[in-house]
Amino acid sequence: MDISFGCVVRIIAGMDNACYRAKAHFKWNYNRPELACDRNVGKHLSIAKKE
């Protein structure tokens, strides 16, 4: 009897190598002027791309 139920379900569902495509956008909080120097789209996009 196989007790590794989670692994079996993942393999049956074909999700062992899943890849997703998503769109995103950033909304800056202009009510926080002290964060104006942190409004760097490239920086936040690279953080979001990390696995």
C-alpha atoms as a PDB file:
ATOM      1  CA  MET A   1       0.000   0.000   0.000  1.00  0.00           C
ATOM      2  CA  ASP A   2       1.356   3.420  -0.998  1.00  0.00           C
ATOM      3  CA  ILE A   3       1.030   5.994   1.797  1.00  0.00           C
ATOM      4  CA  SER A   4       2.529   8.940  -0.186  1.00  0.00           C
ATOM      5  CA  PHE A   5      -0.920  10.179  -1.174  1.00  0.00           C
ATOM      6  CA  GLY A   6       0.096  13.772  -1.982  1.00  0.00           C
ATOM      7  CA  CYS A   7       2.781  12.648  -4.420  1.00  0.00           C
ATOM      8  CA  VAL A   8       0.434  10.188  -6.128  1.00  0.00           C
ATOM      9  CA  VAL A   9      -2.249  12.846  -6.590  1.00  0.00           C
ATOM     10  CA  ARG A  10       0.288  15.278  -8.039  1.00  0.00           C
ATOM     11  CA  ILE A  11       1.529  12.731 -10.575  1.00  0.00           C
ATOM     12  CA  ILE A  12      -2.003  11.682 -11.553  1.00  0.00           C
ATOM     13  CA  ALA A  13      -3.030  15.303 -12.034  1.00  0.00           C
ATOM     14  CA  GLY A  14       0.033  15.937 -14.233  1.00  0.00           C
ATOM     15  CA  MET A  15       1.280  18.775 -12.052  1.00  0.00           C
ATOM     16  CA  ASP A  16       4.794  17.485 -11.496  1.00  0.00           C
ATOM     17  CA  ASN A  17       6.301  20.141 -13.802  1.00  0.00           C
ATOM     18  CA  ALA A  18       3.718  22.937 -13.927  1.00  0.00           C
ATOM     19  CA  CYS A  19       4.458  26.348 -15.417  1.00  0.00           C
ATOM     20  CA  TYR A  20       2.180  29.368 -15.187  1.00  0.00           C
ATOM     21  CA  ARG A  21       2.074  32.670 -17.040  1.00  0.00           C
ATOM     22  CA  ALA A  22       0.749  35.701 -15.179  1.00  0.00           C
ATOM     23  CA  LYS A  23       0.363  39.427 -15.720  1.00  0.00           C
ATOM     24  CA  ALA A  24       1.046  41.940 -12.991  1.00  0.00           C
ATOM     25  CA  HIS A  25       1.172  45.648 -12.403  1.00  0.00           C
ATOM     26  CA  PHE A  26       2.298  47.821  -9.535  1.00  0.00           C
ATOM     27  CA  LYS A  27       0.285  50.476  -7.757  1.00  0.00           C
ATOM     28  CA  TRP A  28       2.425  52.939  -5.870  1.00  0.00           C
ATOM     29  CA  ASN A  29       1.161  54.498  -2.663  1.00  0.00           C
ATOM     30  CA  TYR A  30       1.567  58.200  -3.361  1.00  0.00           C
ATOM     31  CA  ASN A  31       0.396  58.940   0.188  1.00  0.00           C
ATOM     32  CA  ARG A  32       3.827  57.747   1.404  1.00  0.00           C
ATOM     33  CA  PRO A  33       6.313  60.328   0.093  1.00  0.00           C
ATOM     34  CA  GLU A  34       9.150  58.701   2.056  1.00  0.00           C
ATOM     35  CA  LEU A  35       8.857  55.689  -0.274  1.00  0.00           C
ATOM     36  CA  ALA A  36       9.188  57.742  -3.482  1.00  0.00           C
ATOM     37  CA  CYS A  37      12.774  56.569  -3.976  1.00  0.00           C
ATOM     38  CA  ASP A  38      11.576  52.934  -3.880  1.00  0.00           C
ATOM     39  CA  ARG A  39       9.269  53.253  -6.908  1.00  0.00           C
ATOM     40  CA  ASN A  40      11.557  51.256  -9.165  1.00  0.00           C
ATOM     41  CA  VAL A  41       9.603  48.972 -11.505  1.00  0.00           C
ATOM     42  CA  GLY A  42      12.681  46.941 -12.488  1.00  0.00           C
ATOM     43  CA  LYS A  43      13.554  46.212  -8.866  1.00  0.00           C
ATOM     44  CA  HIS A  44      10.067  45.065  -7.921  1.00  0.00           C
ATOM     45  CA  LEU A  45       9.658  43.054 -11.129  1.00  0.00           C
ATOM     46  CA  SER A  46      12.870  41.130 -10.462  1.00  0.00           C
ATOM     47  CA  ILE A  47      11.708  40.414  -6.901  1.00  0.00           C
ATOM     48  CA  ALA A  48       8.401  39.097  -8.243  1.00  0.00           C
ATOM     49  CA  LYS A  49      10.169  36.832 -10.776  1.00  0.00           C
ATOM     50  CA  LYS A  50      12.222  35.048  -8.115  1.00  0.00           C
ATOM     51  CA  GLU A  51      11.175  31.487  -7.381  1.00  0.00           C
END
